[in-house]
Amino acid sequence: MKNRLEELRKLNGIKQEELALALEVSRQTIGSLENGRYNPSILLAFKIARFFNLSIEDIFIYEEEESSEKL
């Protein structure tokens, strides 16, 4: 899942460490989220959205995988 986390964090002048502290996660978790190596739990997604005062959909971009078979 793609996301705008790094973009939003930098626009707001926030370091990974500061965001991690505010969200009660590790800096490594923030890095993994930003690099797309980790998808957040729904609870963490809500915390991130609330932190930036945005909707989850404004931060996380869900792209369905296209099936090779059409029904």
PDB file of N, CA and C in Angstrom:
ATOM      1  N   MET A   1       0.845  -1.171   0.000  1.00  0.00           N
ATOM      2  CA  MET A   1       0.000   0.000   0.000  1.00  0.00           C
ATOM      3  C   MET A   1       0.891   1.235   0.000  1.00  0.00           C
ATOM      4  N   LYS A   2       0.606   2.158  -0.865  1.00  0.00           N
ATOM      5  CA  LYS A   2       1.372   3.398  -0.921  1.00  0.00           C
ATOM      6  C   LYS A   2       0.819   4.371   0.114  1.00  0.00           C
ATOM      7  N   ASN A   3       1.660   5.332   0.493  1.00  0.00           N
ATOM      8  CA  ASN A   3       1.196   6.334   1.442  1.00  0.00           C
ATOM      9  C   ASN A   3       1.952   7.647   1.256  1.00  0.00           C
ATOM     10  N   ARG A   4       1.432   8.691   1.878  1.00  0.00           N
ATOM     11  CA  ARG A   4       2.020  10.028   1.804  1.00  0.00           C
ATOM     12  C   ARG A   4       2.690  10.415   3.117  1.00  0.00           C
ATOM     13  N   LEU A   5       3.008   9.432   3.943  1.00  0.00           N
ATOM     14  CA  LEU A   5       3.508   9.715   5.285  1.00  0.00           C
ATOM     15  C   LEU A   5       4.783  10.554   5.274  1.00  0.00           C
ATOM     16  N   GLU A   6       5.764  10.154   4.480  1.00  0.00           N
ATOM     17  CA  GLU A   6       7.029  10.912   4.447  1.00  0.00           C
ATOM     18  C   GLU A   6       6.791  12.335   3.954  1.00  0.00           C
ATOM     19  N   GLU A   7       5.996  12.474   2.915  1.00  0.00           N
ATOM     20  CA  GLU A   7       5.674  13.805   2.375  1.00  0.00           C
ATOM     21  C   GLU A   7       5.023  14.685   3.445  1.00  0.00           C
ATOM     22  N   LEU A   8       4.029  14.155   4.136  1.00  0.00           N
ATOM     23  CA  LEU A   8       3.324  14.927   5.163  1.00  0.00           C
ATOM     24  C   LEU A   8       4.235  15.262   6.339  1.00  0.00           C
ATOM     25  N   ARG A   9       5.055  14.304   6.732  1.00  0.00           N
ATOM     26  CA  ARG A   9       5.970  14.527   7.847  1.00  0.00           C
ATOM     27  C   ARG A   9       6.945  15.651   7.522  1.00  0.00           C
ATOM     28  N   LYS A  10       7.509  15.605   6.313  1.00  0.00           N
ATOM     29  CA  LYS A  10       8.475  16.635   5.918  1.00  0.00           C
ATOM     30  C   LYS A  10       7.814  17.996   5.729  1.00  0.00           C
ATOM     31  N   LEU A  11       6.613  18.015   5.178  1.00  0.00           N
ATOM     32  CA  LEU A  11       5.888  19.280   5.011  1.00  0.00           C
ATOM     33  C   LEU A  11       5.643  19.968   6.349  1.00  0.00           C
ATOM     34  N   ASN A  12       5.482  19.161   7.394  1.00  0.00           N
ATOM     35  CA  ASN A  12       5.218  19.685   8.723  1.00  0.00           C
ATOM     36  C   ASN A  12       6.488  19.851   9.558  1.00  0.00           C
ATOM     37  N   GLY A  13       7.650  19.578   8.953  1.00  0.00           N
ATOM     38  CA  GLY A  13       8.920  19.761   9.649  1.00  0.00           C
ATOM     39  C   GLY A  13       9.101  18.838  10.842  1.00  0.00           C
ATOM     40  N   ILE A  14       8.613  17.618  10.710  1.00  0.00           N
ATOM     41  CA  ILE A  14       8.669  16.662  11.810  1.00  0.00           C
ATOM     42  C   ILE A  14       9.690  15.572  11.478  1.00  0.00           C
ATOM     43  N   LYS A  15      10.531  15.254  12.440  1.00  0.00           N
ATOM     44  CA  LYS A  15      11.507  14.170  12.267  1.00  0.00           C
ATOM     45  C   LYS A  15      10.819  12.831  12.524  1.00  0.00           C
ATOM     46  N   GLN A  16      11.394  11.771  11.963  1.00  0.00           N
ATOM     47  CA  GLN A  16      10.848  10.428  12.188  1.00  0.00           C
ATOM     48  C   GLN A  16      10.748  10.129  13.683  1.00  0.00           C
ATOM     49  N   GLU A  17      11.754  10.510  14.433  1.00  0.00           N
ATOM     50  CA  GLU A  17      11.776  10.249  15.875  1.00  0.00           C
ATOM     51  C   GLU A  17      10.622  10.947  16.584  1.00  0.00           C
ATOM     52  N   GLU A  18      10.341  12.188  16.178  1.00  0.00           N
ATOM     53  CA  GLU A  18       9.256  12.953  16.796  1.00  0.00           C
ATOM     54  C   GLU A  18       7.896  12.327  16.493  1.00  0.00           C
ATOM     55  N   LEU A  19       7.710  11.909  15.250  1.00  0.00           N
ATOM     56  CA  LEU A  19       6.451  11.276  14.873  1.00  0.00           C
ATOM     57  C   LEU A  19       6.288   9.953  15.606  1.00  0.00           C
ATOM     58  N   ALA A  20       7.366   9.186  15.680  1.00  0.00           N
ATOM     59  CA  ALA A  20       7.328   7.898  16.382  1.00  0.00           C
ATOM     60  C   ALA A  20       6.923   8.090  17.846  1.00  0.00           C
ATOM     61  N   LEU A  21       7.487   9.086  18.490  1.00  0.00           N
ATOM     62  CA  LEU A  21       7.161   9.372  19.887  1.00  0.00           C
ATOM     63  C   LEU A  21       5.684   9.733  20.033  1.00  0.00           C
ATOM     64  N   ALA A  22       5.196  10.592  19.159  1.00  0.00           N
ATOM     65  CA  ALA A  22       3.798  11.020  19.221  1.00  0.00           C
ATOM     66  C   ALA A  22       2.825   9.853  18.993  1.00  0.00           C
ATOM     67  N   LEU A  23       3.235   8.897  18.151  1.00  0.00           N
ATOM     68  CA  LEU A  23       2.364   7.769  17.816  1.00  0.00           C
ATOM     69  C   LEU A  23       2.619   6.541  18.681  1.00  0.00           C
ATOM     70  N   GLU A  24       3.624   6.647  19.559  1.00  0.00           N
ATOM     71  CA  GLU A  24       3.986   5.548  20.456  1.00  0.00           C
ATOM     72  C   GLU A  24       4.421   4.296  19.698  1.00  0.00           C
ATOM     73  N   VAL A  25       5.261   4.511  18.681  1.00  0.00           N
ATOM     74  CA  VAL A  25       5.870   3.418  17.917  1.00  0.00           C
ATOM     75  C   VAL A  25       7.367   3.714  17.799  1.00  0.00           C
ATOM     76  N   SER A  26       8.111   2.802  17.224  1.00  0.00           N
ATOM     77  CA  SER A  26       9.544   3.027  17.054  1.00  0.00           C
ATOM     78  C   SER A  26       9.830   3.848  15.793  1.00  0.00           C
ATOM     79  N   ARG A  27      11.011   4.449  15.759  1.00  0.00           N
ATOM     80  CA  ARG A  27      11.426   5.176  14.563  1.00  0.00           C
ATOM     81  C   ARG A  27      11.511   4.219  13.381  1.00  0.00           C
ATOM     82  N   GLN A  28      11.919   2.973  13.654  1.00  0.00           N
ATOM     83  CA  GLN A  28      12.017   1.973  12.595  1.00  0.00           C
ATOM     84  C   GLN A  28      10.641   1.701  11.975  1.00  0.00           C
ATOM     85  N   THR A  29       9.595   1.725  12.792  1.00  0.00           N
ATOM     86  CA  THR A  29       8.238   1.533  12.269  1.00  0.00           C
ATOM     87  C   THR A  29       7.882   2.655  11.308  1.00  0.00           C
ATOM     88  N   ILE A  30       8.212   3.881  11.662  1.00  0.00           N
ATOM     89  CA  ILE A  30       7.930   5.023  10.778  1.00  0.00           C
ATOM     90  C   ILE A  30       8.693   4.860   9.469  1.00  0.00           C
ATOM     91  N   GLY A  31       9.970   4.497   9.553  1.00  0.00           N
ATOM     92  CA  GLY A  31      10.772   4.283   8.351  1.00  0.00           C
ATOM     93  C   GLY A  31      10.194   3.185   7.469  1.00  0.00           C
ATOM     94  N   SER A  32       9.765   2.102   8.095  1.00  0.00           N
ATOM     95  CA  SER A  32       9.185   0.989   7.333  1.00  0.00           C
ATOM     96  C   SER A  32       7.870   1.383   6.674  1.00  0.00           C
ATOM     97  N   LEU A  33       7.073   2.166   7.374  1.00  0.00           N
ATOM     98  CA  LEU A  33       5.824   2.661   6.782  1.00  0.00           C
ATOM     99  C   LEU A  33       6.119   3.545   5.575  1.00  0.00           C
ATOM    100  N   GLU A  34       7.065   4.465   5.749  1.00  0.00           N
ATOM    101  CA  GLU A  34       7.399   5.397   4.667  1.00  0.00           C
ATOM    102  C   GLU A  34       7.955   4.681   3.444  1.00  0.00           C
ATOM    103  N   ASN A  35       8.685   3.591   3.660  1.00  0.00           N
ATOM    104  CA  ASN A  35       9.280   2.851   2.548  1.00  0.00           C
ATOM    105  C   ASN A  35       8.367   1.776   1.973  1.00  0.00           C
ATOM    106  N   GLY A  36       7.171   1.653   2.531  1.00  0.00           N
ATOM    107  CA  GLY A  36       6.219   0.681   2.023  1.00  0.00           C
ATOM    108  C   GLY A  36       6.528  -0.757   2.395  1.00  0.00           C
ATOM    109  N   ARG A  37       7.412  -0.953   3.365  1.00  0.00           N
ATOM    110  CA  ARG A  37       7.751  -2.314   3.801  1.00  0.00           C
ATOM    111  C   ARG A  37       6.766  -2.836   4.833  1.00  0.00           C
ATOM    112  N   TYR A  38       5.931  -1.944   5.360  1.00  0.00           N
ATOM    113  CA  TYR A  38       5.020  -2.300   6.437  1.00  0.00           C
ATOM    114  C   TYR A  38       3.714  -1.549   6.241  1.00  0.00           C
ATOM    115  N   ASN A  39       2.591  -2.249   6.373  1.00  0.00           N
ATOM    116  CA  ASN A  39       1.285  -1.611   6.352  1.00  0.00           C
ATOM    117  C   ASN A  39       0.799  -1.482   7.789  1.00  0.00           C
ATOM    118  N   PRO A  40       0.250  -0.329   8.145  1.00  0.00           N
ATOM    119  CA  PRO A  40      -0.141  -0.113   9.538  1.00  0.00           C
ATOM    120  C   PRO A  40      -1.389  -0.908   9.913  1.00  0.00           C
ATOM    121  N   SER A  41      -1.508  -1.174  11.204  1.00  0.00           N
ATOM    122  CA  SER A  41      -2.766  -1.706  11.718  1.00  0.00           C
ATOM    123  C   SER A  41      -3.816  -0.612  11.541  1.00  0.00           C
ATOM    124  N   ILE A  42      -5.065  -0.971  11.636  1.00  0.00           N
ATOM    125  CA  ILE A  42      -6.121   0.034  11.498  1.00  0.00           C
ATOM    126  C   ILE A  42      -6.017   1.065  12.623  1.00  0.00           C
ATOM    127  N   LEU A  43      -5.642   0.620  13.813  1.00  0.00           N
ATOM    128  CA  LEU A  43      -5.479   1.541  14.935  1.00  0.00           C
ATOM    129  C   LEU A  43      -4.366   2.550  14.665  1.00  0.00           C
ATOM    130  N   LEU A  44      -3.233   2.075  14.162  1.00  0.00           N
ATOM    131  CA  LEU A  44      -2.131   2.980  13.853  1.00  0.00           C
ATOM    132  C   LEU A  44      -2.506   3.917  12.706  1.00  0.00           C
ATOM    133  N   ALA A  45      -3.219   3.418  11.715  1.00  0.00           N
ATOM    134  CA  ALA A  45      -3.660   4.274  10.606  1.00  0.00           C
ATOM    135  C   ALA A  45      -4.542   5.407  11.126  1.00  0.00           C
ATOM    136  N   PHE A  46      -5.444   5.095  12.057  1.00  0.00           N
ATOM    137  CA  PHE A  46      -6.294   6.137  12.651  1.00  0.00           C
ATOM    138  C   PHE A  46      -5.463   7.133  13.446  1.00  0.00           C
ATOM    139  N   LYS A  47      -4.468   6.648  14.204  1.00  0.00           N
ATOM    140  CA  LYS A  47      -3.605   7.548  14.978  1.00  0.00           C
ATOM    141  C   LYS A  47      -2.848   8.509  14.061  1.00  0.00           C
ATOM    142  N   ILE A  48      -2.338   7.978  12.957  1.00  0.00           N
ATOM    143  CA  ILE A  48      -1.597   8.808  12.000  1.00  0.00           C
ATOM    144  C   ILE A  48      -2.522   9.851  11.388  1.00  0.00           C
ATOM    145  N   ALA A  49      -3.704   9.418  10.977  1.00  0.00           N
ATOM    146  CA  ALA A  49      -4.672  10.349  10.374  1.00  0.00           C
ATOM    147  C   ALA A  49      -5.054  11.444  11.368  1.00  0.00           C
ATOM    148  N   ARG A  50      -5.291  11.067  12.597  1.00  0.00           N
ATOM    149  CA  ARG A  50      -5.661  12.051  13.617  1.00  0.00           C
ATOM    150  C   ARG A  50      -4.505  13.018  13.872  1.00  0.00           C
ATOM    151  N   PHE A  51      -3.276  12.507  13.900  1.00  0.00           N
ATOM    152  CA  PHE A  51      -2.110  13.353  14.130  1.00  0.00           C
ATOM    153  C   PHE A  51      -2.019  14.454  13.077  1.00  0.00           C
ATOM    154  N   PHE A  52      -2.249  14.085  11.801  1.00  0.00           N
ATOM    155  CA  PHE A  52      -2.149  15.062  10.712  1.00  0.00           C
ATOM    156  C   PHE A  52      -3.471  15.761  10.413  1.00  0.00           C
ATOM    157  N   ASN A  53      -4.522  15.406  11.176  1.00  0.00           N
ATOM    158  CA  ASN A  53      -5.844  15.996  10.985  1.00  0.00           C
ATOM    159  C   ASN A  53      -6.354  15.772   9.558  1.00  0.00           C
ATOM    160  N   LEU A  54      -6.151  14.540   9.075  1.00  0.00           N
ATOM    161  CA  LEU A  54      -6.589  14.140   7.740  1.00  0.00           C
ATOM    162  C   LEU A  54      -7.359  12.836   7.850  1.00  0.00           C
ATOM    163  N   SER A  55      -7.999  12.446   6.763  1.00  0.00           N
ATOM    164  CA  SER A  55      -8.646  11.137   6.742  1.00  0.00           C
ATOM    165  C   SER A  55      -7.597  10.078   6.397  1.00  0.00           C
ATOM    166  N   ILE A  56      -7.891   8.850   6.743  1.00  0.00           N
ATOM    167  CA  ILE A  56      -6.988   7.752   6.403  1.00  0.00           C
ATOM    168  C   ILE A  56      -6.758   7.715   4.897  1.00  0.00           C
ATOM    169  N   GLU A  57      -7.816   7.934   4.127  1.00  0.00           N
ATOM    170  CA  GLU A  57      -7.726   7.897   2.668  1.00  0.00           C
ATOM    171  C   GLU A  57      -6.849   9.005   2.102  1.00  0.00           C
ATOM    172  N   ASP A  58      -6.688  10.096   2.850  1.00  0.00           N
ATOM    173  CA  ASP A  58      -5.809  11.183   2.413  1.00  0.00           C
ATOM    174  C   ASP A  58      -4.329  10.829   2.588  1.00  0.00           C
ATOM    175  N   ILE A  59      -4.053   9.818   3.398  1.00  0.00           N
ATOM    176  CA  ILE A  59      -2.673   9.437   3.693  1.00  0.00           C
ATOM    177  C   ILE A  59      -2.281   8.131   3.019  1.00  0.00           C
ATOM    178  N   PHE A  60      -3.184   7.162   3.087  1.00  0.00           N
ATOM    179  CA  PHE A  60      -2.897   5.828   2.561  1.00  0.00           C
ATOM    180  C   PHE A  60      -3.665   5.589   1.267  1.00  0.00           C
ATOM    181  N   ILE A  61      -2.955   5.132   0.249  1.00  0.00           N
ATOM    182  CA  ILE A  61      -3.541   4.913  -1.073  1.00  0.00           C
ATOM    183  C   ILE A  61      -3.645   3.416  -1.317  1.00  0.00           C
ATOM    184  N   TYR A  62      -4.878   2.929  -1.309  1.00  0.00           N
ATOM    185  CA  TYR A  62      -5.109   1.506  -1.533  1.00  0.00           C
ATOM    186  C   TYR A  62      -5.329   1.283  -3.014  1.00  0.00           C
ATOM    187  N   GLU A  63      -4.537   0.401  -3.594  1.00  0.00           N
ATOM    188  CA  GLU A  63      -4.683   0.069  -5.006  1.00  0.00           C
ATOM    189  C   GLU A  63      -4.958  -1.422  -5.105  1.00  0.00           C
ATOM    190  N   GLU A  64      -6.151  -1.758  -5.568  1.00  0.00           N
ATOM    191  CA  GLU A  64      -6.487  -3.177  -5.729  1.00  0.00           C
ATOM    192  C   GLU A  64      -5.639  -3.775  -6.822  1.00  0.00           C
ATOM    193  N   GLU A  65      -5.210  -4.992  -6.580  1.00  0.00           N
ATOM    194  CA  GLU A  65      -4.468  -5.709  -7.617  1.00  0.00           C
ATOM    195  C   GLU A  65      -5.473  -6.148  -8.657  1.00  0.00           C
ATOM    196  N   GLU A  66      -5.159  -5.903  -9.904  1.00  0.00           N
ATOM    197  CA  GLU A  66      -6.063  -6.316 -10.960  1.00  0.00           C
ATOM    198  C   GLU A  66      -5.918  -7.806 -11.197  1.00  0.00           C
ATOM    199  N   SER A  67      -7.040  -8.484 -11.218  1.00  0.00           N
ATOM    200  CA  SER A  67      -7.047  -9.910 -11.450  1.00  0.00           C
ATOM    201  C   SER A  67      -6.874 -10.167 -12.938  1.00  0.00           C
ATOM    202  N   SER A  68      -6.163 -11.238 -13.245  1.00  0.00           N
ATOM    203  CA  SER A  68      -5.993 -11.595 -14.659  1.00  0.00           C
ATOM    204  C   SER A  68      -7.275 -12.192 -15.224  1.00  0.00           C
ATOM    205  N   GLU A  69      -8.141 -12.645 -14.311  1.00  0.00           N
ATOM    206  CA  GLU A  69      -9.419 -13.188 -14.754  1.00  0.00           C
ATOM    207  C   GLU A  69     -10.506 -12.146 -14.533  1.00  0.00           C
ATOM    208  N   LYS A  70     -11.292 -11.932 -15.540  1.00  0.00           N
ATOM    209  CA  LYS A  70     -12.438 -11.030 -15.428  1.00  0.00           C
ATOM    210  C   LYS A  70     -13.671 -11.888 -15.216  1.00  0.00           C
ATOM    211  N   LEU A  71     -14.504 -11.507 -14.273  1.00  0.00           N
ATOM    212  CA  LEU A  71     -15.722 -12.283 -14.002  1.00  0.00           C
ATOM    213  C   LEU A  71     -16.834 -11.874 -14.918  1.00  0.00           C
TER     214      LEU A  71
END
